[in-house]
Amino acid sequence: MNLSTFKQHLSTVDYPIFQLANGELVPEHYHVTEIGLVSKEFIDCGGEMRNERVVSFQLWYADDLEHHLTAEKLLEIIDLYEKKISMDDLPIEVEYQADTVGKY
C-alpha cells in the first residue's frame, strides 16, 4: 500500500488498526515511534543494480494501556514528516517487534 492510499484509509476511521501477516493484530495501545524514508541500493545475484525506497512506520507498545493513537493524530504526524522529508508517493513498510523485529 502506498502512503496516499494509507492516508485515504485513515480519513475513514477513528483509530488505525495494524494486522500482521500471520493475522495477529498489533495491540491497540501501540505507538508510532518513527516514520522515515528508507532507501536501499544494491546489486542482485544477477549483477543488476536495484534501488528500493519505502516509507517506514516503526510500531511499538508498552504497558501504557490507555494510549490510543487516533487516525487524526497519525495524519498530523505524517503531515509533519512530509513537510520535513520530500518524497514521492512510496510504498509503506511497517516495522514491528513481536518475538523479533519484523517488516511487513
PDB file of N, CA and C in Angstrom:
ATOM      1  N   MET A   1       0.853  -1.170   0.000  1.00  0.00           N
ATOM      2  CA  MET A   1       0.000   0.000   0.000  1.00  0.00           C
ATOM      3  C   MET A   1       0.905   1.241   0.000  1.00  0.00           C
ATOM      4  N   ASN A   2       0.558   2.200  -0.828  1.00  0.00           N
ATOM      5  CA  ASN A   2       1.307   3.454  -0.875  1.00  0.00           C
ATOM      6  C   ASN A   2       0.795   4.417   0.187  1.00  0.00           C
ATOM      7  N   LEU A   3       1.620   5.424   0.484  1.00  0.00           N
ATOM      8  CA  LEU A   3       1.292   6.384   1.525  1.00  0.00           C
ATOM      9  C   LEU A   3      -0.025   7.107   1.244  1.00  0.00           C
ATOM     10  N   SER A   4      -0.282   7.488  -0.002  1.00  0.00           N
ATOM     11  CA  SER A   4      -1.522   8.213  -0.313  1.00  0.00           C
ATOM     12  C   SER A   4      -2.760   7.352  -0.021  1.00  0.00           C
ATOM     13  N   THR A   5      -2.704   6.070  -0.350  1.00  0.00           N
ATOM     14  CA  THR A   5      -3.820   5.159  -0.077  1.00  0.00           C
ATOM     15  C   THR A   5      -4.003   4.985   1.423  1.00  0.00           C
ATOM     16  N   PHE A   6      -2.896   4.865   2.148  1.00  0.00           N
ATOM     17  CA  PHE A   6      -2.951   4.735   3.604  1.00  0.00           C
ATOM     18  C   PHE A   6      -3.615   5.967   4.218  1.00  0.00           C
ATOM     19  N   LYS A   7      -3.251   7.147   3.745  1.00  0.00           N
ATOM     20  CA  LYS A   7      -3.845   8.385   4.257  1.00  0.00           C
ATOM     21  C   LYS A   7      -5.334   8.448   3.954  1.00  0.00           C
ATOM     22  N   GLN A   8      -5.736   7.973   2.787  1.00  0.00           N
ATOM     23  CA  GLN A   8      -7.163   7.932   2.455  1.00  0.00           C
ATOM     24  C   GLN A   8      -7.906   7.024   3.430  1.00  0.00           C
ATOM     25  N   HIS A   9      -7.331   5.864   3.734  1.00  0.00           N
ATOM     26  CA  HIS A   9      -7.952   4.941   4.700  1.00  0.00           C
ATOM     27  C   HIS A   9      -8.047   5.588   6.076  1.00  0.00           C
ATOM     28  N   LEU A  10      -6.992   6.302   6.474  1.00  0.00           N
ATOM     29  CA  LEU A  10      -7.009   6.958   7.785  1.00  0.00           C
ATOM     30  C   LEU A  10      -8.153   7.962   7.899  1.00  0.00           C
ATOM     31  N   SER A  11      -8.488   8.592   6.799  1.00  0.00           N
ATOM     32  CA  SER A  11      -9.551   9.597   6.834  1.00  0.00           C
ATOM     33  C   SER A  11     -10.943   8.984   7.012  1.00  0.00           C
ATOM     34  N   THR A  12     -11.034   7.647   6.975  1.00  0.00           N
ATOM     35  CA  THR A  12     -12.338   6.980   7.095  1.00  0.00           C
ATOM     36  C   THR A  12     -12.518   6.244   8.421  1.00  0.00           C
ATOM     37  N   VAL A  13     -11.491   6.277   9.297  1.00  0.00           N
ATOM     38  CA  VAL A  13     -11.561   5.548  10.565  1.00  0.00           C
ATOM     39  C   VAL A  13     -11.217   6.467  11.731  1.00  0.00           C
ATOM     40  N   ASP A  14     -11.600   6.057  12.925  1.00  0.00           N
ATOM     41  CA  ASP A  14     -11.235   6.819  14.126  1.00  0.00           C
ATOM     42  C   ASP A  14      -9.880   6.389  14.667  1.00  0.00           C
ATOM     43  N   TYR A  15      -9.638   5.070  14.671  1.00  0.00           N
ATOM     44  CA  TYR A  15      -8.404   4.522  15.218  1.00  0.00           C
ATOM     45  C   TYR A  15      -7.814   3.534  14.221  1.00  0.00           C
ATOM     46  N   PRO A  16      -6.587   3.765  13.772  1.00  0.00           N
ATOM     47  CA  PRO A  16      -5.969   2.815  12.835  1.00  0.00           C
ATOM     48  C   PRO A  16      -5.598   1.510  13.547  1.00  0.00           C
ATOM     49  N   ILE A  17      -5.826   0.405  12.852  1.00  0.00           N
ATOM     50  CA  ILE A  17      -5.504  -0.922  13.355  1.00  0.00           C
ATOM     51  C   ILE A  17      -4.515  -1.553  12.382  1.00  0.00           C
ATOM     52  N   PHE A  18      -3.463  -2.139  12.918  1.00  0.00           N
ATOM     53  CA  PHE A  18      -2.478  -2.814  12.080  1.00  0.00           C
ATOM     54  C   PHE A  18      -2.580  -4.310  12.316  1.00  0.00           C
ATOM     55  N   GLN A  19      -2.626  -5.058  11.206  1.00  0.00           N
ATOM     56  CA  GLN A  19      -2.697  -6.513  11.267  1.00  0.00           C
ATOM     57  C   GLN A  19      -1.425  -7.086  10.652  1.00  0.00           C
ATOM     58  N   LEU A  20      -0.790  -8.019  11.363  1.00  0.00           N
ATOM     59  CA  LEU A  20       0.428  -8.648  10.889  1.00  0.00           C
ATOM     60  C   LEU A  20       0.108  -9.719   9.851  1.00  0.00           C
ATOM     61  N   ALA A  21       1.126 -10.171   9.158  1.00  0.00           N
ATOM     62  CA  ALA A  21       0.937 -11.173   8.098  1.00  0.00           C
ATOM     63  C   ALA A  21       0.319 -12.466   8.623  1.00  0.00           C
ATOM     64  N   ASN A  22       0.558 -12.791   9.899  1.00  0.00           N
ATOM     65  CA  ASN A  22       0.000 -14.021  10.469  1.00  0.00           C
ATOM     66  C   ASN A  22      -1.435 -13.833  10.977  1.00  0.00           C
ATOM     67  N   GLY A  23      -2.013 -12.644  10.764  1.00  0.00           N
ATOM     68  CA  GLY A  23      -3.383 -12.366  11.173  1.00  0.00           C
ATOM     69  C   GLY A  23      -3.499 -11.713  12.544  1.00  0.00           C
ATOM     70  N   GLU A  24      -2.420 -11.730  13.316  1.00  0.00           N
ATOM     71  CA  GLU A  24      -2.420 -11.125  14.654  1.00  0.00           C
ATOM     72  C   GLU A  24      -2.526  -9.596  14.544  1.00  0.00           C
ATOM     73  N   LEU A  25      -3.314  -9.011  15.441  1.00  0.00           N
ATOM     74  CA  LEU A  25      -3.440  -7.556  15.471  1.00  0.00           C
ATOM     75  C   LEU A  25      -2.396  -6.968  16.407  1.00  0.00           C
ATOM     76  N   VAL A  26      -1.813  -5.846  16.004  1.00  0.00           N
ATOM     77  CA  VAL A  26      -0.919  -5.108  16.890  1.00  0.00           C
ATOM     78  C   VAL A  26      -1.790  -4.556  18.020  1.00  0.00           C
ATOM     79  N   PRO A  27      -1.355  -4.684  19.284  1.00  0.00           N
ATOM     80  CA  PRO A  27      -2.171  -4.177  20.396  1.00  0.00           C
ATOM     81  C   PRO A  27      -2.580  -2.723  20.162  1.00  0.00           C
ATOM     82  N   GLU A  28      -3.817  -2.402  20.510  1.00  0.00           N
ATOM     83  CA  GLU A  28      -4.371  -1.080  20.182  1.00  0.00           C
ATOM     84  C   GLU A  28      -3.700   0.067  20.922  1.00  0.00           C
ATOM     85  N   HIS A  29      -2.858  -0.217  21.893  1.00  0.00           N
ATOM     86  CA  HIS A  29      -2.159   0.852  22.609  1.00  0.00           C
ATOM     87  C   HIS A  29      -0.738   1.079  22.066  1.00  0.00           C
ATOM     88  N   TYR A  30      -0.518   0.748  20.779  1.00  0.00           N
ATOM     89  CA  TYR A  30       0.788   0.935  20.154  1.00  0.00           C
ATOM     90  C   TYR A  30       1.126   2.417  19.984  1.00  0.00           C
ATOM     91  N   HIS A  31       2.391   2.669  19.786  1.00  0.00           N
ATOM     92  CA  HIS A  31       2.903   4.000  19.441  1.00  0.00           C
ATOM     93  C   HIS A  31       3.544   3.903  18.059  1.00  0.00           C
ATOM     94  N   VAL A  32       3.489   4.973  17.302  1.00  0.00           N
ATOM     95  CA  VAL A  32       4.313   5.085  16.102  1.00  0.00           C
ATOM     96  C   VAL A  32       5.556   5.835  16.566  1.00  0.00           C
ATOM     97  N   THR A  33       6.649   5.107  16.743  1.00  0.00           N
ATOM     98  CA  THR A  33       7.858   5.710  17.310  1.00  0.00           C
ATOM     99  C   THR A  33       8.738   6.353  16.259  1.00  0.00           C
ATOM    100  N   GLU A  34       8.473   6.033  15.004  1.00  0.00           N
ATOM    101  CA  GLU A  34       9.326   6.570  13.950  1.00  0.00           C
ATOM    102  C   GLU A  34       8.616   6.449  12.606  1.00  0.00           C
ATOM    103  N   ILE A  35       8.738   7.489  11.806  1.00  0.00           N
ATOM    104  CA  ILE A  35       8.349   7.436  10.390  1.00  0.00           C
ATOM    105  C   ILE A  35       9.577   7.896   9.626  1.00  0.00           C
ATOM    106  N   GLY A  36       9.977   7.135   8.616  1.00  0.00           N
ATOM    107  CA  GLY A  36      11.194   7.504   7.911  1.00  0.00           C
ATOM    108  C   GLY A  36      11.190   7.070   6.466  1.00  0.00           C
ATOM    109  N   LEU A  37      12.092   7.663   5.730  1.00  0.00           N
ATOM    110  CA  LEU A  37      12.327   7.295   4.337  1.00  0.00           C
ATOM    111  C   LEU A  37      13.513   6.342   4.328  1.00  0.00           C
ATOM    112  N   VAL A  38      13.305   5.142   3.813  1.00  0.00           N
ATOM    113  CA  VAL A  38      14.365   4.148   3.746  1.00  0.00           C
ATOM    114  C   VAL A  38      14.713   3.930   2.282  1.00  0.00           C
ATOM    115  N   SER A  39      15.975   4.128   1.970  1.00  0.00           N
ATOM    116  CA  SER A  39      16.459   3.943   0.605  1.00  0.00           C
ATOM    117  C   SER A  39      17.549   2.881   0.622  1.00  0.00           C
ATOM    118  N   LYS A  40      17.440   1.913  -0.268  1.00  0.00           N
ATOM    119  CA  LYS A  40      18.397   0.815  -0.320  1.00  0.00           C
ATOM    120  C   LYS A  40      18.861   0.635  -1.764  1.00  0.00           C
ATOM    121  N   GLU A  41      20.164   0.754  -1.976  1.00  0.00           N
ATOM    122  CA  GLU A  41      20.753   0.490  -3.284  1.00  0.00           C
ATOM    123  C   GLU A  41      21.578  -0.776  -3.168  1.00  0.00           C
ATOM    124  N   PHE A  42      21.396  -1.697  -4.124  1.00  0.00           N
ATOM    125  CA  PHE A  42      22.087  -2.973  -4.028  1.00  0.00           C
ATOM    126  C   PHE A  42      22.225  -3.612  -5.400  1.00  0.00           C
ATOM    127  N   ILE A  43      23.049  -4.622  -5.452  1.00  0.00           N
ATOM    128  CA  ILE A  43      23.221  -5.426  -6.667  1.00  0.00           C
ATOM    129  C   ILE A  43      22.647  -6.802  -6.365  1.00  0.00           C
ATOM    130  N   ASP A  44      21.764  -7.278  -7.239  1.00  0.00           N
ATOM    131  CA  ASP A  44      21.187  -8.601  -7.009  1.00  0.00           C
ATOM    132  C   ASP A  44      22.137  -9.690  -7.516  1.00  0.00           C
ATOM    133  N   CYS A  45      21.743 -10.939  -7.367  1.00  0.00           N
ATOM    134  CA  CYS A  45      22.607 -12.066  -7.712  1.00  0.00           C
ATOM    135  C   CYS A  45      22.930 -12.138  -9.207  1.00  0.00           C
ATOM    136  N   GLY A  46      22.154 -11.449 -10.029  1.00  0.00           N
ATOM    137  CA  GLY A  46      22.418 -11.418 -11.466  1.00  0.00           C
ATOM    138  C   GLY A  46      23.245 -10.222 -11.897  1.00  0.00           C
ATOM    139  N   GLY A  47      23.723  -9.446 -10.924  1.00  0.00           N
ATOM    140  CA  GLY A  47      24.550  -8.281 -11.238  1.00  0.00           C
ATOM    141  C   GLY A  47      23.740  -7.047 -11.590  1.00  0.00           C
ATOM    142  N   GLU A  48      22.430  -7.106 -11.416  1.00  0.00           N
ATOM    143  CA  GLU A  48      21.538  -5.979 -11.732  1.00  0.00           C
ATOM    144  C   GLU A  48      21.507  -4.997 -10.564  1.00  0.00           C
ATOM    145  N   MET A  49      21.716  -3.723 -10.863  1.00  0.00           N
ATOM    146  CA  MET A  49      21.605  -2.685  -9.835  1.00  0.00           C
ATOM    147  C   MET A  49      20.133  -2.476  -9.493  1.00  0.00           C
ATOM    148  N   ARG A  50      19.829  -2.372  -8.228  1.00  0.00           N
ATOM    149  CA  ARG A  50      18.462  -2.166  -7.740  1.00  0.00           C
ATOM    150  C   ARG A  50      18.447  -1.001  -6.777  1.00  0.00           C
ATOM    151  N   ASN A  51      17.294  -0.355  -6.687  1.00  0.00           N
ATOM    152  CA  ASN A  51      17.096   0.744  -5.752  1.00  0.00           C
ATOM    153  C   ASN A  51      15.678   0.630  -5.225  1.00  0.00           C
ATOM    154  N   GLU A  52      15.556   0.518  -3.911  1.00  0.00           N
ATOM    155  CA  GLU A  52      14.242   0.468  -3.277  1.00  0.00           C
ATOM    156  C   GLU A  52      14.089   1.657  -2.357  1.00  0.00           C
ATOM    157  N   ARG A  53      12.917   2.261  -2.368  1.00  0.00           N
ATOM    158  CA  ARG A  53      12.604   3.359  -1.458  1.00  0.00           C
ATOM    159  C   ARG A  53      11.223   3.103  -0.879  1.00  0.00           C
ATOM    160  N   VAL A  54      11.110   3.174   0.440  1.00  0.00           N
ATOM    161  CA  VAL A  54       9.834   2.965   1.118  1.00  0.00           C
ATOM    162  C   VAL A  54       9.713   3.963   2.262  1.00  0.00           C
ATOM    163  N   VAL A  55       8.472   4.187   2.667  1.00  0.00           N
ATOM    164  CA  VAL A  55       8.196   4.923   3.900  1.00  0.00           C
ATOM    165  C   VAL A  55       8.063   3.874   4.987  1.00  0.00           C
ATOM    166  N   SER A  56       8.843   4.028   6.042  1.00  0.00           N
ATOM    167  CA  SER A  56       8.847   3.043   7.125  1.00  0.00           C
ATOM    168  C   SER A  56       8.121   3.598   8.345  1.00  0.00           C
ATOM    169  N   PHE A  57       7.184   2.809   8.856  1.00  0.00           N
ATOM    170  CA  PHE A  57       6.491   3.120  10.113  1.00  0.00           C
ATOM    171  C   PHE A  57       7.005   2.126  11.145  1.00  0.00           C
ATOM    172  N   GLN A  58       7.555   2.622  12.245  1.00  0.00           N
ATOM    173  CA  GLN A  58       8.014   1.749  13.315  1.00  0.00           C
ATOM    174  C   GLN A  58       6.964   1.776  14.423  1.00  0.00           C
ATOM    175  N   LEU A  59       6.423   0.605  14.744  1.00  0.00           N
ATOM    176  CA  LEU A  59       5.394   0.486  15.775  1.00  0.00           C
ATOM    177  C   LEU A  59       5.975  -0.185  17.010  1.00  0.00           C
ATOM    178  N   TRP A  60       5.511   0.247  18.161  1.00  0.00           N
ATOM    179  CA  TRP A  60       5.975  -0.293  19.436  1.00  0.00           C
ATOM    180  C   TRP A  60       4.863  -0.100  20.454  1.00  0.00           C
ATOM    181  N   TYR A  61       4.806  -0.971  21.449  1.00  0.00           N
ATOM    182  CA  TYR A  61       3.842  -0.761  22.523  1.00  0.00           C
ATOM    183  C   TYR A  61       4.484  -1.098  23.859  1.00  0.00           C
ATOM    184  N   ALA A  62       3.937  -0.497  24.915  1.00  0.00           N
ATOM    185  CA  ALA A  62       4.447  -0.709  26.274  1.00  0.00           C
ATOM    186  C   ALA A  62       3.260  -0.973  27.185  1.00  0.00           C
ATOM    187  N   ASP A  63       3.465  -0.723  28.457  1.00  0.00           N
ATOM    188  CA  ASP A  63       2.429  -1.010  29.449  1.00  0.00           C
ATOM    189  C   ASP A  63       1.367   0.073  29.597  1.00  0.00           C
ATOM    190  N   ASP A  64       1.498   1.159  28.844  1.00  0.00           N
ATOM    191  CA  ASP A  64       0.521   2.248  28.963  1.00  0.00           C
ATOM    192  C   ASP A  64      -0.734   1.904  28.163  1.00  0.00           C
ATOM    193  N   LEU A  65      -1.585   1.109  28.757  1.00  0.00           N
ATOM    194  CA  LEU A  65      -2.762   0.566  28.076  1.00  0.00           C
ATOM    195  C   LEU A  65      -3.784   1.629  27.693  1.00  0.00           C
ATOM    196  N   GLU A  66      -3.670   2.815  28.255  1.00  0.00           N
ATOM    197  CA  GLU A  66      -4.616   3.899  27.947  1.00  0.00           C
ATOM    198  C   GLU A  66      -4.243   4.665  26.682  1.00  0.00           C
ATOM    199  N   HIS A  67      -3.066   4.400  26.134  1.00  0.00           N
ATOM    200  CA  HIS A  67      -2.627   5.108  24.922  1.00  0.00           C
ATOM    201  C   HIS A  67      -3.359   4.554  23.704  1.00  0.00           C
ATOM    202  N   HIS A  68      -4.042   5.419  22.959  1.00  0.00           N
ATOM    203  CA  HIS A  68      -4.726   5.012  21.730  1.00  0.00           C
ATOM    204  C   HIS A  68      -4.518   6.097  20.690  1.00  0.00           C
ATOM    205  N   LEU A  69      -3.703   5.821  19.714  1.00  0.00           N
ATOM    206  CA  LEU A  69      -3.395   6.772  18.658  1.00  0.00           C
ATOM    207  C   LEU A  69      -4.594   6.907  17.725  1.00  0.00           C
ATOM    208  N   THR A  70      -5.074   8.128  17.574  1.00  0.00           N
ATOM    209  CA  THR A  70      -6.201   8.353  16.668  1.00  0.00           C
ATOM    210  C   THR A  70      -5.699   8.476  15.233  1.00  0.00           C
ATOM    211  N   ALA A  71      -6.593   8.237  14.301  1.00  0.00           N
ATOM    212  CA  ALA A  71      -6.255   8.409  12.892  1.00  0.00           C
ATOM    213  C   ALA A  71      -5.906   9.867  12.619  1.00  0.00           C
ATOM    214  N   GLU A  72      -6.633  10.783  13.250  1.00  0.00           N
ATOM    215  CA  GLU A  72      -6.361  12.205  13.060  1.00  0.00           C
ATOM    216  C   GLU A  72      -4.945  12.566  13.515  1.00  0.00           C
ATOM    217  N   LYS A  73      -4.521  12.045  14.664  1.00  0.00           N
ATOM    218  CA  LYS A  73      -3.183  12.318  15.176  1.00  0.00           C
ATOM    219  C   LYS A  73      -2.126  11.704  14.271  1.00  0.00           C
ATOM    220  N   LEU A  74      -2.363  10.497  13.781  1.00  0.00           N
ATOM    221  CA  LEU A  74      -1.404   9.869  12.875  1.00  0.00           C
ATOM    222  C   LEU A  74      -1.293  10.657  11.574  1.00  0.00           C
ATOM    223  N   LEU A  75      -2.398  11.174  11.076  1.00  0.00           N
ATOM    224  CA  LEU A  75      -2.347  12.024   9.879  1.00  0.00           C
ATOM    225  C   LEU A  75      -1.524  13.286  10.148  1.00  0.00           C
ATOM    226  N   GLU A  76      -1.636  13.843  11.345  1.00  0.00           N
ATOM    227  CA  GLU A  76      -0.825  15.013  11.712  1.00  0.00           C
ATOM    228  C   GLU A  76       0.664  14.665  11.730  1.00  0.00           C
ATOM    229  N   ILE A  77       0.995  13.497  12.270  1.00  0.00           N
ATOM    230  CA  ILE A  77       2.390  13.051  12.306  1.00  0.00           C
ATOM    231  C   ILE A  77       2.921  12.861  10.883  1.00  0.00           C
ATOM    232  N   ILE A  78       2.120  12.243  10.025  1.00  0.00           N
ATOM    233  CA  ILE A  78       2.519  12.038   8.627  1.00  0.00           C
ATOM    234  C   ILE A  78       2.714  13.382   7.939  1.00  0.00           C
ATOM    235  N   ASP A  79       1.828  14.345   8.207  1.00  0.00           N
ATOM    236  CA  ASP A  79       1.939  15.674   7.621  1.00  0.00           C
ATOM    237  C   ASP A  79       3.263  16.335   8.030  1.00  0.00           C
ATOM    238  N   LEU A  80       3.625  16.236   9.302  1.00  0.00           N
ATOM    239  CA  LEU A  80       4.912  16.778   9.772  1.00  0.00           C
ATOM    240  C   LEU A  80       6.076  16.115   9.034  1.00  0.00           C
ATOM    241  N   TYR A  81       5.985  14.814   8.884  1.00  0.00           N
ATOM    242  CA  TYR A  81       7.008  14.049   8.173  1.00  0.00           C
ATOM    243  C   TYR A  81       7.150  14.547   6.738  1.00  0.00           C
ATOM    244  N   GLU A  82       6.022  14.711   6.058  1.00  0.00           N
ATOM    245  CA  GLU A  82       6.057  15.123   4.648  1.00  0.00           C
ATOM    246  C   GLU A  82       6.608  16.539   4.487  1.00  0.00           C
ATOM    247  N   LYS A  83       6.431  17.390   5.484  1.00  0.00           N
ATOM    248  CA  LYS A  83       6.989  18.738   5.421  1.00  0.00           C
ATOM    249  C   LYS A  83       8.507  18.727   5.586  1.00  0.00           C
ATOM    250  N   LYS A  84       9.028  17.739   6.317  1.00  0.00           N
ATOM    251  CA  LYS A  84      10.459  17.663   6.594  1.00  0.00           C
ATOM    252  C   LYS A  84      11.231  16.865   5.546  1.00  0.00           C
ATOM    253  N   ILE A  85      10.598  15.841   4.992  1.00  0.00           N
ATOM    254  CA  ILE A  85      11.272  14.950   4.049  1.00  0.00           C
ATOM    255  C   ILE A  85      10.498  14.936   2.739  1.00  0.00           C
ATOM    256  N   SER A  86      11.097  15.458   1.722  1.00  0.00           N
ATOM    257  CA  SER A  86      10.473  15.489   0.405  1.00  0.00           C
ATOM    258  C   SER A  86      10.553  14.105  -0.232  1.00  0.00           C
ATOM    259  N   MET A  87       9.436  13.628  -0.767  1.00  0.00           N
ATOM    260  CA  MET A  87       9.429  12.297  -1.352  1.00  0.00           C
ATOM    261  C   MET A  87       8.239  12.103  -2.274  1.00  0.00           C
ATOM    262  N   ASP A  88       8.276  11.004  -3.000  1.00  0.00           N
ATOM    263  CA  ASP A  88       7.170  10.609  -3.862  1.00  0.00           C
ATOM    264  C   ASP A  88       6.170   9.788  -3.043  1.00  0.00           C
ATOM    265  N   ASP A  89       5.106   9.394  -3.690  1.00  0.00           N
ATOM    266  CA  ASP A  89       4.102   8.527  -3.059  1.00  0.00           C
ATOM    267  C   ASP A  89       4.642   7.102  -3.059  1.00  0.00           C
ATOM    268  N   LEU A  90       5.312   6.742  -1.969  1.00  0.00           N
ATOM    269  CA  LEU A  90       6.033   5.473  -1.891  1.00  0.00           C
ATOM    270  C   LEU A  90       5.247   4.400  -1.145  1.00  0.00           C
ATOM    271  N   PRO A  91       5.620   3.127  -1.352  1.00  0.00           N
ATOM    272  CA  PRO A  91       5.017   2.049  -0.569  1.00  0.00           C
ATOM    273  C   PRO A  91       5.368   2.201   0.912  1.00  0.00           C
ATOM    274  N   ILE A  92       4.503   1.661   1.765  1.00  0.00           N
ATOM    275  CA  ILE A  92       4.720   1.690   3.204  1.00  0.00           C
ATOM    276  C   ILE A  92       5.248   0.337   3.650  1.00  0.00           C
ATOM    277  N   GLU A  93       6.220   0.386   4.551  1.00  0.00           N
ATOM    278  CA  GLU A  93       6.742  -0.801   5.208  1.00  0.00           C
ATOM    279  C   GLU A  93       6.554  -0.589   6.703  1.00  0.00           C
ATOM    280  N   VAL A  94       5.967  -1.566   7.379  1.00  0.00           N
ATOM    281  CA  VAL A  94       5.734  -1.453   8.815  1.00  0.00           C
ATOM    282  C   VAL A  94       6.744  -2.331   9.543  1.00  0.00           C
ATOM    283  N   GLU A  95       7.439  -1.719  10.484  1.00  0.00           N
ATOM    284  CA  GLU A  95       8.410  -2.436  11.307  1.00  0.00           C
ATOM    285  C   GLU A  95       7.803  -2.605  12.688  1.00  0.00           C
ATOM    286  N   TYR A  96       7.807  -3.841  13.153  1.00  0.00           N
ATOM    287  CA  TYR A  96       7.139  -4.142  14.419  1.00  0.00           C
ATOM    288  C   TYR A  96       7.889  -5.245  15.135  1.00  0.00           C
ATOM    289  N   GLN A  97       8.077  -5.099  16.434  1.00  0.00           N
ATOM    290  CA  GLN A  97       8.778  -6.118  17.199  1.00  0.00           C
ATOM    291  C   GLN A  97       7.788  -6.941  17.997  1.00  0.00           C
ATOM    292  N   ALA A  98       7.706  -8.209  17.652  1.00  0.00           N
ATOM    293  CA  ALA A  98       6.935  -9.174  18.441  1.00  0.00           C
ATOM    294  C   ALA A  98       7.982 -10.067  19.120  1.00  0.00           C
ATOM    295  N   ASP A  99       8.274 -11.217  18.537  1.00  0.00           N
ATOM    296  CA  ASP A  99       9.377 -12.040  19.042  1.00  0.00           C
ATOM    297  C   ASP A  99      10.705 -11.487  18.534  1.00  0.00           C
ATOM    298  N   THR A 100      10.715 -11.093  17.266  1.00  0.00           N
ATOM    299  CA  THR A 100      11.862 -10.426  16.663  1.00  0.00           C
ATOM    300  C   THR A 100      11.322  -9.227  15.895  1.00  0.00           C
ATOM    301  N   VAL A 101      12.195  -8.371  15.408  1.00  0.00           N
ATOM    302  CA  VAL A 101      11.739  -7.232  14.616  1.00  0.00           C
ATOM    303  C   VAL A 101      11.353  -7.754  13.238  1.00  0.00           C
ATOM    304  N   GLY A 102      10.128  -7.458  12.818  1.00  0.00           N
ATOM    305  CA  GLY A 102       9.650  -7.894  11.513  1.00  0.00           C
ATOM    306  C   GLY A 102       9.268  -6.700  10.669  1.00  0.00           C
ATOM    307  N   LYS A 103       9.351  -6.881   9.364  1.00  0.00           N
ATOM    308  CA  LYS A 103       8.932  -5.838   8.435  1.00  0.00           C
ATOM    309  C   LYS A 103       7.818  -6.408   7.578  1.00  0.00           C
ATOM    310  N   TYR A 104       6.735  -5.590   7.402  1.00  0.00           N
ATOM    311  CA  TYR A 104       5.554  -6.057   6.692  1.00  0.00           C
ATOM    312  C   TYR A 104       5.161  -5.056   5.636  1.00  0.00           C
TER     313      TYR A 104
END
